[in-house]
Amino acid sequence: MTMVIQLVVGKDRIRVVDHEKLLKWKKSLVEGQVFDAIFDDGSSTALTPLAKRYFATRDEYAGLNGYTTQSAHEELKHFFGMCYPPDSPPVGRTVRLVPYHGEMEWQLSVTDMDHDELSRLTEGATLAVAEAGI
């Protein structure tokens, strides 16, 4: 599950803006569970509103299909053209070699997608969620 929450830097500590949202999310965790935290100071293009929308939609798609978020991520990239054949990775792009249904393919990183590519992926993910929810 992905959660985006704002933090405010104070003189001696960092404070959570929406503490209730954090507590609600915490209930989905189990003791000893390890998770990743991404801190964005706003200068990164990785978490634009469109990217946040994509990741939230990807998480919904994963839940509807019983997939891990990583599996959903790989499937959506495959479905909506964010991949390249194993013998021809794109030059100058951030990609990862991924096994998909017994075949290997290079998948483009969300952080390296231009606005049109990320829009296509997000719109495709939204349609996939609608279809999965039927």
C-alpha atoms as a PDB file:
ATOM      1  CA  MET A   1       0.000   0.000   0.000  1.00  0.00           C
ATOM      2  CA  THR A   2       1.276   3.461  -0.830  1.00  0.00           C
ATOM      3  CA  MET A   3       0.624   6.435   1.404  1.00  0.00           C
ATOM      4  CA  VAL A   4       1.701   9.999   0.775  1.00  0.00           C
ATOM      5  CA  ILE A   5       1.864  12.219   3.833  1.00  0.00           C
ATOM      6  CA  GLN A   6       3.312  15.651   4.469  1.00  0.00           C
ATOM      7  CA  LEU A   7       5.925  16.416   7.105  1.00  0.00           C
ATOM      8  CA  VAL A   8       6.924  19.819   8.479  1.00  0.00           C
ATOM      9  CA  VAL A   9      10.456  20.568   9.629  1.00  0.00           C
ATOM     10  CA  GLY A  10      10.547  22.323  12.977  1.00  0.00           C
ATOM     11  CA  LYS A  11      13.431  23.643  15.033  1.00  0.00           C
ATOM     12  CA  ASP A  12      14.136  20.372  16.866  1.00  0.00           C
ATOM     13  CA  ARG A  13      12.035  17.760  15.067  1.00  0.00           C
ATOM     14  CA  ILE A  14       9.998  16.762  12.048  1.00  0.00           C
ATOM     15  CA  ARG A  15       6.232  16.784  12.597  1.00  0.00           C
ATOM     16  CA  VAL A  16       3.574  14.829  10.676  1.00  0.00           C
ATOM     17  CA  VAL A  17       0.913  17.186   9.290  1.00  0.00           C
ATOM     18  CA  ASP A  18      -1.940  14.647   9.185  1.00  0.00           C
ATOM     19  CA  HIS A  19      -1.298  12.461  12.234  1.00  0.00           C
ATOM     20  CA  GLU A  20      -4.686  10.683  11.927  1.00  0.00           C
ATOM     21  CA  LYS A  21      -3.849   9.558   8.381  1.00  0.00           C
ATOM     22  CA  LEU A  22      -0.553   8.122   9.621  1.00  0.00           C
ATOM     23  CA  LEU A  23      -2.260   6.261  12.486  1.00  0.00           C
ATOM     24  CA  LYS A  24      -4.829   4.789  10.097  1.00  0.00           C
ATOM     25  CA  TRP A  25      -2.035   3.555   7.802  1.00  0.00           C
ATOM     26  CA  LYS A  26      -0.104   2.161  10.778  1.00  0.00           C
ATOM     27  CA  LYS A  27      -3.019  -0.171  11.540  1.00  0.00           C
ATOM     28  CA  SER A  28      -2.313  -2.001   8.267  1.00  0.00           C
ATOM     29  CA  LEU A  29       1.213  -2.870   9.431  1.00  0.00           C
ATOM     30  CA  VAL A  30       2.389  -5.690  11.659  1.00  0.00           C
ATOM     31  CA  GLU A  31       5.011  -5.459  14.372  1.00  0.00           C
ATOM     32  CA  GLY A  32       8.508  -5.828  12.965  1.00  0.00           C
ATOM     33  CA  GLN A  33       7.411  -5.096   9.384  1.00  0.00           C
ATOM     34  CA  VAL A  34       9.965  -3.181   7.349  1.00  0.00           C
ATOM     35  CA  PHE A  35       8.829  -0.604   4.786  1.00  0.00           C
ATOM     36  CA  ASP A  36      10.414   2.027   2.569  1.00  0.00           C
ATOM     37  CA  ALA A  37       9.975   5.735   3.160  1.00  0.00           C
ATOM     38  CA  ILE A  38      10.623   8.235   0.399  1.00  0.00           C
ATOM     39  CA  PHE A  39      11.282  11.811   1.431  1.00  0.00           C
ATOM     40  CA  ASP A  40      10.762  14.416  -1.287  1.00  0.00           C
ATOM     41  CA  ASP A  41      11.697  18.054  -0.771  1.00  0.00           C
ATOM     42  CA  GLY A  42       9.663  19.073  -3.795  1.00  0.00           C
ATOM     43  CA  SER A  43      12.642  19.429  -6.110  1.00  0.00           C
ATOM     44  CA  SER A  44      12.316  15.852  -7.381  1.00  0.00           C
ATOM     45  CA  THR A  45      10.266  15.085 -10.470  1.00  0.00           C
ATOM     46  CA  ALA A  46       9.707  11.531  -9.253  1.00  0.00           C
ATOM     47  CA  LEU A  47       6.628  12.331  -7.187  1.00  0.00           C
ATOM     48  CA  THR A  48       4.701  14.755  -9.355  1.00  0.00           C
ATOM     49  CA  PRO A  49       0.931  14.770  -8.859  1.00  0.00           C
ATOM     50  CA  LEU A  50       0.618  12.589 -11.958  1.00  0.00           C
ATOM     51  CA  ALA A  51       3.176  10.079 -10.588  1.00  0.00           C
ATOM     52  CA  LYS A  52       1.356  10.031  -7.232  1.00  0.00           C
ATOM     53  CA  ARG A  53      -1.895   9.329  -9.091  1.00  0.00           C
ATOM     54  CA  TYR A  54      -0.253   6.509 -11.031  1.00  0.00           C
ATOM     55  CA  PHE A  55       1.155   4.845  -7.894  1.00  0.00           C
ATOM     56  CA  ALA A  56      -2.186   5.098  -6.075  1.00  0.00           C
ATOM     57  CA  THR A  57      -3.944   3.589  -9.103  1.00  0.00           C
ATOM     58  CA  ARG A  58      -1.312   0.861  -9.374  1.00  0.00           C
ATOM     59  CA  ASP A  59      -1.901  -0.029  -5.718  1.00  0.00           C
ATOM     60  CA  GLU A  60      -5.651  -0.233  -6.298  1.00  0.00           C
ATOM     61  CA  TYR A  61      -5.062  -2.456  -9.338  1.00  0.00           C
ATOM     62  CA  ALA A  62      -2.811  -4.723  -7.272  1.00  0.00           C
ATOM     63  CA  GLY A  63      -5.445  -5.039  -4.557  1.00  0.00           C
ATOM     64  CA  LEU A  64      -8.261  -5.824  -6.988  1.00  0.00           C
ATOM     65  CA  ASN A  65      -6.200  -8.560  -8.657  1.00  0.00           C
ATOM     66  CA  GLY A  66      -4.457 -10.009  -5.596  1.00  0.00           C
ATOM     67  CA  TYR A  67      -1.029  -8.960  -6.913  1.00  0.00           C
ATOM     68  CA  THR A  68       1.961  -7.499  -5.134  1.00  0.00           C
ATOM     69  CA  THR A  69       2.471  -3.849  -6.030  1.00  0.00           C
ATOM     70  CA  GLN A  70       5.660  -4.830  -7.886  1.00  0.00           C
ATOM     71  CA  SER A  71       3.826  -7.408 -10.008  1.00  0.00           C
ATOM     72  CA  ALA A  72       1.078  -4.898 -10.771  1.00  0.00           C
ATOM     73  CA  HIS A  73       3.715  -2.292 -11.664  1.00  0.00           C
ATOM     74  CA  GLU A  74       5.445  -4.642 -14.105  1.00  0.00           C
ATOM     75  CA  GLU A  75       2.176  -5.775 -15.676  1.00  0.00           C
ATOM     76  CA  LEU A  76       0.889  -2.229 -16.192  1.00  0.00           C
ATOM     77  CA  LYS A  77       4.181  -1.133 -17.759  1.00  0.00           C
ATOM     78  CA  HIS A  78       4.017  -4.150 -20.069  1.00  0.00           C
ATOM     79  CA  PHE A  79       0.376  -3.540 -21.016  1.00  0.00           C
ATOM     80  CA  PHE A  80       0.831   0.141 -21.759  1.00  0.00           C
ATOM     81  CA  GLY A  81       4.067   0.165 -23.733  1.00  0.00           C
ATOM     82  CA  MET A  82       6.712   1.127 -21.197  1.00  0.00           C
ATOM     83  CA  CYS A  83       8.952  -1.783 -22.190  1.00  0.00           C
ATOM     84  CA  TYR A  84      11.573  -2.714 -24.770  1.00  0.00           C
ATOM     85  CA  PRO A  85      12.868  -6.046 -26.131  1.00  0.00           C
ATOM     86  CA  PRO A  86      15.752  -7.636 -24.192  1.00  0.00           C
ATOM     87  CA  ASP A  87      18.163  -7.177 -27.096  1.00  0.00           C
ATOM     88  CA  SER A  88      17.541  -3.436 -27.526  1.00  0.00           C
ATOM     89  CA  PRO A  89      17.496  -1.397 -24.335  1.00  0.00           C
ATOM     90  CA  PRO A  90      16.859   2.303 -24.949  1.00  0.00           C
ATOM     91  CA  VAL A  91      20.013   4.388 -24.805  1.00  0.00           C
ATOM     92  CA  GLY A  92      20.066   7.164 -22.218  1.00  0.00           C
ATOM     93  CA  ARG A  93      16.934   5.993 -20.387  1.00  0.00           C
ATOM     94  CA  THR A  94      16.632   4.522 -16.898  1.00  0.00           C
ATOM     95  CA  VAL A  95      15.405   0.949 -17.369  1.00  0.00           C
ATOM     96  CA  ARG A  96      15.363  -2.347 -15.515  1.00  0.00           C
ATOM     97  CA  LEU A  97      15.519  -5.848 -17.000  1.00  0.00           C
ATOM     98  CA  VAL A  98      12.376  -7.666 -15.822  1.00  0.00           C
ATOM     99  CA  PRO A  99      11.108 -11.210 -16.376  1.00  0.00           C
ATOM    100  CA  TYR A 100       7.530 -11.083 -17.669  1.00  0.00           C
ATOM    101  CA  HIS A 101       5.680 -14.369 -18.318  1.00  0.00           C
ATOM    102  CA  GLY A 102       8.863 -16.278 -19.078  1.00  0.00           C
ATOM    103  CA  GLU A 103      10.386 -13.579 -21.280  1.00  0.00           C
ATOM    104  CA  MET A 104      12.765 -10.774 -20.387  1.00  0.00           C
ATOM    105  CA  GLU A 105      12.091  -7.133 -21.213  1.00  0.00           C
ATOM    106  CA  TRP A 106      13.518  -3.739 -20.333  1.00  0.00           C
ATOM    107  CA  GLN A 107      10.984  -1.614 -18.447  1.00  0.00           C
ATOM    108  CA  LEU A 108      11.218   2.150 -18.299  1.00  0.00           C
ATOM    109  CA  SER A 109      11.474   3.767 -14.862  1.00  0.00           C
ATOM    110  CA  VAL A 110       8.581   6.027 -13.879  1.00  0.00           C
ATOM    111  CA  THR A 111      11.145   8.649 -12.869  1.00  0.00           C
ATOM    112  CA  ASP A 112      12.503   8.670 -16.429  1.00  0.00           C
ATOM    113  CA  MET A 113       9.137   8.946 -18.195  1.00  0.00           C
ATOM    114  CA  ASP A 114       8.164  12.183 -19.847  1.00  0.00           C
ATOM    115  CA  HIS A 115       4.717  13.647 -19.196  1.00  0.00           C
ATOM    116  CA  ASP A 116       3.108  11.945 -22.199  1.00  0.00           C
ATOM    117  CA  GLU A 117       4.493   8.514 -21.267  1.00  0.00           C
ATOM    118  CA  LEU A 118       3.425   8.851 -17.631  1.00  0.00           C
ATOM    119  CA  SER A 119      -0.002  10.110 -18.741  1.00  0.00           C
ATOM    120  CA  ARG A 120      -0.441   7.069 -21.002  1.00  0.00           C
ATOM    121  CA  LEU A 121       0.586   4.727 -18.180  1.00  0.00           C
ATOM    122  CA  THR A 122      -1.690   6.443 -15.640  1.00  0.00           C
ATOM    123  CA  GLU A 123      -4.689   6.489 -17.992  1.00  0.00           C
ATOM    124  CA  GLY A 124      -4.083   2.839 -18.853  1.00  0.00           C
ATOM    125  CA  ALA A 125      -3.833   1.914 -15.167  1.00  0.00           C
ATOM    126  CA  THR A 126      -7.091   3.767 -14.489  1.00  0.00           C
ATOM    127  CA  LEU A 127      -8.844   1.796 -17.243  1.00  0.00           C
ATOM    128  CA  ALA A 128      -7.324  -1.451 -15.944  1.00  0.00           C
ATOM    129  CA  VAL A 129      -8.707  -0.706 -12.463  1.00  0.00           C
ATOM    130  CA  ALA A 130     -12.159  -0.044 -13.910  1.00  0.00           C
ATOM    131  CA  GLU A 131     -12.001  -3.292 -15.860  1.00  0.00           C
ATOM    132  CA  ALA A 132     -10.730  -5.294 -12.863  1.00  0.00           C
ATOM    133  CA  GLY A 133     -13.491  -3.899 -10.661  1.00  0.00           C
ATOM    134  CA  ILE A 134     -16.285  -5.068 -12.969  1.00  0.00           C
END
